[in-house]
Amino acid sequence: MGDSYYRLGWMKILACLEEKPDDLTLHGIRHTVADELKAAGINEEVRADLLGHTLESETAGRYSKASRLSVLLEAVNKIPVVTSSVRPARIILPIA
């Protein structure tokens, strides 16, 4: 699904940006989220579940309770909102 999102969503979002930072990539954003979750003390099972990663051990991957929505929501709420000082702006995405 990542390829579809990249092609159908991310490229359209980038096209609408007035300034296009060269280092703004989906992989970079995902890496930053992983780092922030780890720094916030979120365990590896929850981080893997949110990021779509698999875990090495059968027990950690198959029998984890990390996929409960309340656990995932708690983790997501610990990600810093780096855009909190940005003024809202109307965005109109072109229809393909």
Protein backbone atom coordinates (compact mmCIF):
# COMPACT_ATOMS: atom_id res chain seq x y z
CA MET A 1 0.00 0.00 0.00
CA GLY A 2 2.96 2.32 0.54
CA ASP A 3 3.64 2.54 -3.19
CA SER A 4 0.02 3.41 -3.90
CA TYR A 5 -0.03 6.11 -1.22
CA TYR A 6 3.24 7.53 -2.52
CA ARG A 7 1.95 7.74 -6.08
CA LEU A 8 -1.66 8.73 -5.39
CA GLY A 9 -1.30 10.87 -2.28
CA TRP A 10 2.18 11.99 -1.37
CA MET A 11 3.16 13.27 -4.83
CA LYS A 12 -0.04 15.37 -4.96
CA ILE A 13 0.66 16.81 -1.52
CA LEU A 14 4.20 17.75 -2.54
CA ALA A 15 2.90 19.40 -5.71
CA CYS A 16 0.74 21.73 -3.60
CA LEU A 17 3.59 22.92 -1.37
CA GLU A 18 4.95 26.37 -2.10
CA GLU A 19 8.36 25.38 -0.75
CA LYS A 20 9.53 21.86 -1.44
CA PRO A 21 12.33 20.82 0.95
CA ASP A 22 14.70 18.37 -0.75
CA ASP A 23 14.92 16.25 2.38
CA LEU A 24 11.16 15.85 2.91
CA THR A 25 10.56 12.16 2.22
CA LEU A 26 8.09 9.60 3.50
CA HIS A 27 10.99 7.45 4.70
CA GLY A 28 12.45 10.40 6.62
CA ILE A 29 9.11 11.15 8.27
CA ARG A 30 8.66 7.50 9.22
CA HIS A 31 12.18 7.38 10.68
CA THR A 32 11.53 10.52 12.72
CA VAL A 33 8.29 9.06 14.08
CA ALA A 34 10.15 5.86 15.07
CA ASP A 35 12.81 7.91 16.87
CA GLU A 36 10.22 10.02 18.70
CA LEU A 37 8.23 6.96 19.80
CA LYS A 38 11.39 5.30 21.12
CA ALA A 39 12.40 8.49 22.96
CA ALA A 40 8.91 8.63 24.51
CA GLY A 41 9.41 5.14 25.95
CA ILE A 42 6.97 3.35 23.64
CA ASN A 43 7.84 -0.34 23.56
CA GLU A 44 9.13 -2.06 20.44
CA GLU A 45 5.93 -4.03 19.81
CA VAL A 46 3.78 -0.90 19.67
CA ARG A 47 6.33 0.95 17.52
CA ALA A 48 6.49 -1.97 15.10
CA ASP A 49 2.70 -2.16 14.92
CA LEU A 50 2.34 1.54 14.14
CA LEU A 51 5.12 1.57 11.56
CA GLY A 52 4.18 -1.68 9.85
CA HIS A 53 7.37 -3.47 10.84
CA THR A 54 7.65 -7.15 11.71
CA LEU A 55 9.37 -8.38 14.85
CA GLU A 56 12.04 -11.06 14.95
CA SER A 57 10.49 -13.43 17.48
CA GLU A 58 7.26 -15.38 16.97
CA THR A 59 6.08 -14.42 20.45
CA ALA A 60 6.64 -10.70 19.99
CA GLY A 61 5.05 -10.61 16.56
CA ARG A 62 2.15 -13.01 16.88
CA TYR A 63 1.07 -12.75 20.50
CA SER A 64 1.51 -9.04 21.08
CA LYS A 65 -1.35 -6.99 22.50
CA ALA A 66 0.07 -3.88 20.84
CA SER A 67 -2.63 -3.79 18.19
CA ARG A 68 -5.33 -2.74 20.66
CA LEU A 69 -6.53 0.65 19.49
CA SER A 70 -6.26 2.26 22.93
CA VAL A 71 -2.58 1.27 23.16
CA LEU A 72 -1.89 2.59 19.66
CA LEU A 73 -3.75 5.85 20.33
CA GLU A 74 -1.76 6.42 23.51
CA ALA A 75 1.47 5.96 21.53
CA VAL A 76 0.36 8.26 18.70
CA ASN A 77 -0.53 10.97 21.20
CA LYS A 78 3.09 10.94 22.41
CA ILE A 79 4.41 11.98 18.99
CA PRO A 80 5.29 15.69 19.19
CA VAL A 81 3.12 17.99 17.09
CA VAL A 82 5.86 19.87 15.27
CA THR A 83 3.37 21.95 13.32
CA SER A 84 1.53 23.37 16.33
CA SER A 85 2.82 26.88 15.57
CA VAL A 86 1.87 26.77 11.88
CA ARG A 87 -1.22 28.73 10.89
CA PRO A 88 -3.94 26.65 9.23
CA ALA A 89 -4.25 27.22 5.49
CA ARG A 90 -6.81 26.09 3.00
CA ILE A 91 -5.44 23.34 0.76
CA ILE A 92 -7.11 22.33 -2.45
CA LEU A 93 -5.72 19.16 -3.96
CA PRO A 94 -6.16 18.69 -7.69
CA ILE A 95 -8.48 15.90 -8.71
CA ALA A 96 -6.79 13.33 -10.91
